[in-house]
Amino acid sequence: MRLNKKKKSTNTSPYPDEVIDRLARAFYPAILACWNSEEGQRSLVGAKPLHLAAQDRSAA
């Protein structure tokens, strides 16, 4: 088994994987800070019922 085998890309956008990776690395600290803040937690609690309702509609 080869451990360093490159994974197949699932990227279907017109942007290269490297660009997407750089953007993700740039935005990750801000997203994590928001997620861990009190305001972010309140927002998450408020959005969860909406997300579940949307899932129920799409499953039906």
Protein backbone atom coordinates (compact mmCIF):
# COMPACT_ATOMS: atom_id res chain seq x y z
CA MET A 1 0.00 0.00 0.00
CA ARG A 2 1.39 3.38 -1.00
CA LEU A 3 1.00 6.00 1.71
CA ASN A 4 1.92 8.98 -0.42
CA LYS A 5 -0.60 8.29 -3.17
CA LYS A 6 -2.28 11.51 -4.29
CA LYS A 7 -6.04 11.67 -3.75
CA LYS A 8 -8.30 12.29 -6.72
CA SER A 9 -9.65 15.80 -6.85
CA THR A 10 -13.37 16.28 -6.35
CA ASN A 11 -13.10 19.90 -7.43
CA THR A 12 -15.57 20.64 -10.22
CA SER A 13 -15.10 24.42 -10.14
CA PRO A 14 -13.03 26.35 -12.68
CA TYR A 15 -10.51 27.23 -9.94
CA PRO A 16 -7.41 25.12 -9.25
CA ASP A 17 -7.20 23.09 -6.03
CA GLU A 18 -4.26 25.23 -4.86
CA VAL A 19 -6.35 28.42 -5.01
CA ILE A 20 -9.21 26.84 -3.08
CA ASP A 21 -6.75 25.51 -0.50
CA ARG A 22 -5.16 28.97 -0.04
CA LEU A 23 -8.56 30.61 0.42
CA ALA A 24 -9.61 27.96 2.93
CA ARG A 25 -6.40 28.48 4.91
CA ALA A 26 -6.91 32.26 4.84
CA PHE A 27 -10.54 32.16 6.02
CA TYR A 28 -10.25 29.29 8.52
CA PRO A 29 -8.98 31.35 11.50
CA ALA A 30 -11.82 33.88 11.16
CA ILE A 31 -14.45 31.14 10.76
CA LEU A 32 -13.09 29.29 13.79
CA ALA A 33 -13.05 32.49 15.89
CA CYS A 34 -16.66 33.20 14.95
CA TRP A 35 -17.70 29.61 15.64
CA ASN A 36 -16.14 29.72 19.11
CA SER A 37 -17.52 33.15 20.06
CA GLU A 38 -20.72 33.66 22.05
CA GLU A 39 -22.30 35.48 19.12
CA GLY A 40 -21.40 32.63 16.77
CA GLN A 41 -22.91 30.07 19.12
CA ARG A 42 -26.15 32.09 19.38
CA SER A 43 -26.29 32.34 15.61
CA LEU A 44 -25.75 28.60 15.28
CA VAL A 45 -28.56 27.84 17.74
CA GLY A 46 -30.87 30.14 15.78
CA ALA A 47 -29.98 28.62 12.42
CA LYS A 48 -30.30 24.96 13.41
CA PRO A 49 -34.14 24.80 13.32
CA LEU A 50 -34.12 26.44 9.88
CA HIS A 51 -31.56 23.93 8.62
CA LEU A 52 -33.55 20.99 9.96
CA ALA A 53 -36.76 22.31 8.42
CA ALA A 54 -35.05 22.67 5.04
CA GLN A 55 -33.75 19.10 5.30
CA ASP A 56 -37.24 17.82 6.07
CA ARG A 57 -38.68 19.61 3.03
CA SER A 58 -35.99 18.23 0.71
CA ALA A 59 -36.41 14.68 2.03
CA ALA A 60 -40.15 14.68 1.45
